[in-house]
Amino acid sequence: MNKKFNVLVVGAGTMGHGIAQQAAMHGYAVTIMDQNEGMLTRAKTLVREHLENMHAKGLIPFSQIGETIARITCSTDLEQSAAHADFVFEAVFEDLQVKRALFRQLGEYTRADVVLASNTSSFDINELCAVTAVPSRVIGAHWFHPPQITPCIELITTEHTSPETLH
């Protein structure tokens, strides 16, 4: 039996919920983590609305709505969520100090083989890998907006990114 692959999306805003939807639509178990319960509730509502809209346009079968939503859980506990993650997408607001603090925590809370991917559109990814214990696992994964409609990602490596991280 194959081990379930767990994706953690940190940040439930515009990009975060769309990234979570994309991962869940492709069969991954997803946890959306945000400090704000209201943002988590909003994210689940928006994912459902986007999926229903996709069904109404004939893009997905009705059954995919429930299947996708069932793969998404929400949490306000970063440490617990990160401990179970196999891959992390960071999608918090564009504040370098917030992102650096988050990557420092993710470096502590995740296994050393977990890829830490930032959705930043503003900052040098080297600034984020500098604060993690294993900088070779950090990449930029800048999603086009909105992720659930435009599933295209710009991958950005750092001076430390390992080939294994890209595979």
C-alpha atoms as a PDB file:
ATOM      1  CA  MET A   1       0.000   0.000   0.000  1.00  0.00           C
ATOM      2  CA  ASN A   2       1.335   3.455  -0.912  1.00  0.00           C
ATOM      3  CA  LYS A   3       1.853   6.001   1.827  1.00  0.00           C
ATOM      4  CA  LYS A   4      -0.488   8.967   1.622  1.00  0.00           C
ATOM      5  CA  PHE A   5       1.358  12.123   0.487  1.00  0.00           C
ATOM      6  CA  ASN A   6       0.494  15.138   2.651  1.00  0.00           C
ATOM      7  CA  VAL A   7       0.701  18.684   1.312  1.00  0.00           C
ATOM      8  CA  LEU A   8       0.694  21.589   3.741  1.00  0.00           C
ATOM      9  CA  VAL A   9      -0.365  25.026   2.497  1.00  0.00           C
ATOM     10  CA  VAL A  10       0.473  27.788   4.958  1.00  0.00           C
ATOM     11  CA  GLY A  11      -1.824  30.746   4.402  1.00  0.00           C
ATOM     12  CA  ALA A  12      -5.524  30.499   3.554  1.00  0.00           C
ATOM     13  CA  GLY A  13      -5.830  33.654   1.486  1.00  0.00           C
ATOM     14  CA  THR A  14      -6.314  34.128  -2.249  1.00  0.00           C
ATOM     15  CA  MET A  15      -3.325  32.090  -3.331  1.00  0.00           C
ATOM     16  CA  GLY A  16      -3.344  29.587  -0.480  1.00  0.00           C
ATOM     17  CA  HIS A  17      -6.845  28.261  -0.965  1.00  0.00           C
ATOM     18  CA  GLY A  18      -6.291  28.010  -4.731  1.00  0.00           C
ATOM     19  CA  ILE A  19      -3.038  26.087  -4.276  1.00  0.00           C
ATOM     20  CA  ALA A  20      -4.774  23.783  -1.799  1.00  0.00           C
ATOM     21  CA  GLN A  21      -7.612  23.189  -4.272  1.00  0.00           C
ATOM     22  CA  GLN A  22      -5.172  22.286  -7.052  1.00  0.00           C
ATOM     23  CA  ALA A  23      -3.305  19.799  -4.856  1.00  0.00           C
ATOM     24  CA  ALA A  24      -6.537  18.210  -3.586  1.00  0.00           C
ATOM     25  CA  MET A  25      -7.960  17.961  -7.116  1.00  0.00           C
ATOM     26  CA  HIS A  26      -4.880  15.941  -8.045  1.00  0.00           C
ATOM     27  CA  GLY A  27      -5.438  13.443  -5.247  1.00  0.00           C
ATOM     28  CA  TYR A  28      -3.203  14.775  -2.487  1.00  0.00           C
ATOM     29  CA  ALA A  29      -4.236  15.057   1.148  1.00  0.00           C
ATOM     30  CA  VAL A  30      -4.007  18.762   1.950  1.00  0.00           C
ATOM     31  CA  THR A  31      -3.914  20.731   5.167  1.00  0.00           C
ATOM     32  CA  ILE A  32      -4.504  24.462   4.940  1.00  0.00           C
ATOM     33  CA  MET A  33      -2.904  26.131   7.952  1.00  0.00           C
ATOM     34  CA  ASP A  34      -3.693  29.675   8.986  1.00  0.00           C
ATOM     35  CA  GLN A  35      -3.690  31.449  12.345  1.00  0.00           C
ATOM     36  CA  ASN A  36      -7.110  32.909  11.579  1.00  0.00           C
ATOM     37  CA  GLU A  37     -10.091  30.513  11.867  1.00  0.00           C
ATOM     38  CA  GLY A  38     -12.212  32.894   9.799  1.00  0.00           C
ATOM     39  CA  MET A  39      -9.742  32.681   6.914  1.00  0.00           C
ATOM     40  CA  LEU A  40      -9.868  28.885   7.083  1.00  0.00           C
ATOM     41  CA  THR A  41     -13.670  28.887   6.956  1.00  0.00           C
ATOM     42  CA  ARG A  42     -13.585  31.328   4.042  1.00  0.00           C
ATOM     43  CA  ALA A  43     -11.013  29.173   2.220  1.00  0.00           C
ATOM     44  CA  LYS A  44     -13.175  26.040   2.456  1.00  0.00           C
ATOM     45  CA  THR A  45     -16.204  28.001   1.233  1.00  0.00           C
ATOM     46  CA  LEU A  46     -14.285  29.440  -1.715  1.00  0.00           C
ATOM     47  CA  VAL A  47     -12.890  26.036  -2.695  1.00  0.00           C
ATOM     48  CA  ARG A  48     -16.422  24.613  -2.732  1.00  0.00           C
ATOM     49  CA  GLU A  49     -17.708  27.558  -4.785  1.00  0.00           C
ATOM     50  CA  HIS A  50     -14.848  27.233  -7.308  1.00  0.00           C
ATOM     51  CA  LEU A  51     -15.442  23.494  -7.670  1.00  0.00           C
ATOM     52  CA  GLU A  52     -19.201  23.985  -8.122  1.00  0.00           C
ATOM     53  CA  ASN A  53     -18.488  26.623 -10.768  1.00  0.00           C
ATOM     54  CA  MET A  54     -16.115  24.239 -12.556  1.00  0.00           C
ATOM     55  CA  HIS A  55     -18.808  21.554 -12.504  1.00  0.00           C
ATOM     56  CA  ALA A  56     -21.431  23.985 -13.829  1.00  0.00           C
ATOM     57  CA  LYS A  57     -19.103  24.742 -16.758  1.00  0.00           C
ATOM     58  CA  GLY A  58     -18.654  21.037 -17.459  1.00  0.00           C
ATOM     59  CA  LEU A  59     -14.991  21.030 -16.451  1.00  0.00           C
ATOM     60  CA  ILE A  60     -15.245  18.428 -13.681  1.00  0.00           C
ATOM     61  CA  PRO A  61     -17.779  15.731 -12.772  1.00  0.00           C
ATOM     62  CA  PHE A  62     -20.040  16.379  -9.785  1.00  0.00           C
ATOM     63  CA  SER A  63     -18.349  13.589  -7.816  1.00  0.00           C
ATOM     64  CA  GLN A  64     -15.041  15.464  -7.910  1.00  0.00           C
ATOM     65  CA  ILE A  65     -16.468  18.250  -5.751  1.00  0.00           C
ATOM     66  CA  GLY A  66     -16.978  16.045  -2.705  1.00  0.00           C
ATOM     67  CA  GLU A  67     -13.835  14.006  -3.329  1.00  0.00           C
ATOM     68  CA  THR A  68     -11.697  17.146  -3.505  1.00  0.00           C
ATOM     69  CA  ILE A  69     -13.219  18.767  -0.428  1.00  0.00           C
ATOM     70  CA  ALA A  70     -12.791  15.528   1.538  1.00  0.00           C
ATOM     71  CA  ARG A  71      -9.026  15.691   0.927  1.00  0.00           C
ATOM     72  CA  ILE A  72      -8.742  19.151   2.542  1.00  0.00           C
ATOM     73  CA  THR A  73      -8.437  19.710   6.278  1.00  0.00           C
ATOM     74  CA  CYS A  74      -7.809  22.956   8.098  1.00  0.00           C
ATOM     75  CA  SER A  75      -5.641  23.745  11.093  1.00  0.00           C
ATOM     76  CA  THR A  76      -4.383  26.650  13.175  1.00  0.00           C
ATOM     77  CA  ASP A  77      -1.510  24.529  14.572  1.00  0.00           C
ATOM     78  CA  LEU A  78       1.635  25.028  12.484  1.00  0.00           C
ATOM     79  CA  GLU A  79       3.837  22.642  14.445  1.00  0.00           C
ATOM     80  CA  GLN A  80       1.415  19.721  14.232  1.00  0.00           C
ATOM     81  CA  SER A  81       0.565  20.366  10.575  1.00  0.00           C
ATOM     82  CA  ALA A  82       4.227  20.654   9.589  1.00  0.00           C
ATOM     83  CA  ALA A  83       5.147  17.464  11.435  1.00  0.00           C
ATOM     84  CA  HIS A  84       2.871  15.477   9.091  1.00  0.00           C
ATOM     85  CA  ALA A  85       3.775  17.305   5.871  1.00  0.00           C
ATOM     86  CA  ASP A  86       5.601  15.740   2.932  1.00  0.00           C
ATOM     87  CA  PHE A  87       5.666  19.013   0.969  1.00  0.00           C
ATOM     88  CA  VAL A  88       4.995  22.610   2.090  1.00  0.00           C
ATOM     89  CA  PHE A  89       3.704  25.553   0.057  1.00  0.00           C
ATOM     90  CA  GLU A  90       4.058  28.890   1.829  1.00  0.00           C
ATOM     91  CA  ALA A  91       1.426  31.417   0.729  1.00  0.00           C
ATOM     92  CA  VAL A  92       1.371  34.063   3.446  1.00  0.00           C
ATOM     93  CA  PHE A  93       1.267  37.797   2.736  1.00  0.00           C
ATOM     94  CA  GLU A  94       4.318  39.518   1.281  1.00  0.00           C
ATOM     95  CA  ASP A  95       6.289  40.494   4.385  1.00  0.00           C
ATOM     96  CA  LEU A  96       9.885  39.285   4.386  1.00  0.00           C
ATOM     97  CA  GLN A  97      10.197  39.153   8.173  1.00  0.00           C
ATOM     98  CA  VAL A  98       7.001  37.097   8.470  1.00  0.00           C
ATOM     99  CA  LYS A  99       8.199  34.716   5.753  1.00  0.00           C
ATOM    100  CA  ARG A 100      11.655  34.374   7.331  1.00  0.00           C
ATOM    101  CA  ALA A 101      10.136  33.607  10.734  1.00  0.00           C
ATOM    102  CA  LEU A 102       7.832  31.051   9.124  1.00  0.00           C
ATOM    103  CA  PHE A 103      10.662  29.338   7.226  1.00  0.00           C
ATOM    104  CA  ARG A 104      12.703  29.208  10.429  1.00  0.00           C
ATOM    105  CA  GLN A 105       9.779  27.418  12.121  1.00  0.00           C
ATOM    106  CA  LEU A 106       9.165  25.127   9.151  1.00  0.00           C
ATOM    107  CA  GLY A 107      12.840  24.200   9.210  1.00  0.00           C
ATOM    108  CA  GLU A 108      12.391  23.058  12.819  1.00  0.00           C
ATOM    109  CA  TYR A 109       8.972  21.394  12.530  1.00  0.00           C
ATOM    110  CA  THR A 110       9.340  19.421   9.271  1.00  0.00           C
ATOM    111  CA  ARG A 111      11.489  16.421   8.414  1.00  0.00           C
ATOM    112  CA  ALA A 112      14.786  17.255   6.688  1.00  0.00           C
ATOM    113  CA  ASP A 113      13.543  15.787   3.366  1.00  0.00           C
ATOM    114  CA  VAL A 114      10.411  17.954   3.110  1.00  0.00           C
ATOM    115  CA  VAL A 115      10.521  20.556   0.325  1.00  0.00           C
ATOM    116  CA  LEU A 116       9.714  24.074   1.505  1.00  0.00           C
ATOM    117  CA  ALA A 117       8.290  26.091  -1.398  1.00  0.00           C
ATOM    118  CA  SER A 118       7.516  29.805  -1.205  1.00  0.00           C
ATOM    119  CA  ASN A 119       4.910  31.473  -3.381  1.00  0.00           C
ATOM    120  CA  THR A 120       6.612  34.848  -2.986  1.00  0.00           C
ATOM    121  CA  SER A 121       6.590  37.179  -5.946  1.00  0.00           C
ATOM    122  CA  SER A 122       8.733  39.838  -4.282  1.00  0.00           C
ATOM    123  CA  PHE A 123      11.637  38.357  -2.368  1.00  0.00           C
ATOM    124  CA  ASP A 124      14.862  36.536  -3.139  1.00  0.00           C
ATOM    125  CA  ILE A 125      14.381  32.874  -2.202  1.00  0.00           C
ATOM    126  CA  ASN A 126      17.955  32.862  -0.837  1.00  0.00           C
ATOM    127  CA  GLU A 127      16.642  35.091   1.969  1.00  0.00           C
ATOM    128  CA  LEU A 128      14.312  32.262   3.024  1.00  0.00           C
ATOM    129  CA  CYS A 129      16.688  29.339   2.691  1.00  0.00           C
ATOM    130  CA  ALA A 130      19.248  31.223   4.806  1.00  0.00           C
ATOM    131  CA  VAL A 131      17.116  30.735   7.927  1.00  0.00           C
ATOM    132  CA  THR A 132      16.389  27.013   7.528  1.00  0.00           C
ATOM    133  CA  ALA A 133      18.454  24.150   8.891  1.00  0.00           C
ATOM    134  CA  VAL A 134      18.540  22.458   5.455  1.00  0.00           C
ATOM    135  CA  PRO A 135      18.669  25.203   2.799  1.00  0.00           C
ATOM    136  CA  SER A 136      19.010  22.683  -0.042  1.00  0.00           C
ATOM    137  CA  ARG A 137      15.312  21.869   0.221  1.00  0.00           C
ATOM    138  CA  VAL A 138      14.003  25.421  -0.313  1.00  0.00           C
ATOM    139  CA  ILE A 139      12.587  26.592  -3.655  1.00  0.00           C
ATOM    140  CA  GLY A 140      10.366  29.302  -4.965  1.00  0.00           C
ATOM    141  CA  ALA A 141       7.102  28.035  -6.420  1.00  0.00           C
ATOM    142  CA  HIS A 142       5.353  31.155  -7.665  1.00  0.00           C
ATOM    143  CA  TRP A 143       1.865  30.236  -8.829  1.00  0.00           C
ATOM    144  CA  PHE A 144       0.045  32.224 -11.472  1.00  0.00           C
ATOM    145  CA  HIS A 145      -3.175  33.859 -10.267  1.00  0.00           C
ATOM    146  CA  PRO A 146      -5.663  32.321  -9.660  1.00  0.00           C
ATOM    147  CA  PRO A 147      -4.051  28.907  -9.050  1.00  0.00           C
ATOM    148  CA  GLN A 148      -7.244  26.891  -9.425  1.00  0.00           C
ATOM    149  CA  ILE A 149      -7.828  28.310 -12.915  1.00  0.00           C
ATOM    150  CA  THR A 150      -4.253  28.902 -14.120  1.00  0.00           C
ATOM    151  CA  PRO A 151      -2.283  25.889 -12.861  1.00  0.00           C
ATOM    152  CA  CYS A 152       1.102  27.223 -13.896  1.00  0.00           C
ATOM    153  CA  ILE A 153       4.063  27.566 -11.549  1.00  0.00           C
ATOM    154  CA  GLU A 154       7.337  29.438 -11.940  1.00  0.00           C
ATOM    155  CA  LEU A 155      10.021  27.398 -10.120  1.00  0.00           C
ATOM    156  CA  ILE A 156      12.910  29.353  -8.624  1.00  0.00           C
ATOM    157  CA  THR A 157      16.009  27.663  -7.280  1.00  0.00           C
ATOM    158  CA  THR A 158      18.519  29.062  -4.837  1.00  0.00           C
ATOM    159  CA  GLU A 159      22.270  28.766  -4.756  1.00  0.00           C
ATOM    160  CA  HIS A 160      21.692  25.825  -2.367  1.00  0.00           C
ATOM    161  CA  THR A 161      18.745  23.977  -3.961  1.00  0.00           C
ATOM    162  CA  SER A 162      19.564  20.319  -4.430  1.00  0.00           C
ATOM    163  CA  PRO A 163      18.683  18.298  -7.532  1.00  0.00           C
ATOM    164  CA  GLU A 164      16.597  16.001  -5.280  1.00  0.00           C
ATOM    165  CA  THR A 165      14.436  18.953  -4.278  1.00  0.00           C
ATOM    166  CA  LEU A 166      13.493  19.538  -7.913  1.00  0.00           C
ATOM    167  CA  HIS A 167      12.511  15.913  -8.462  1.00  0.00           C
END
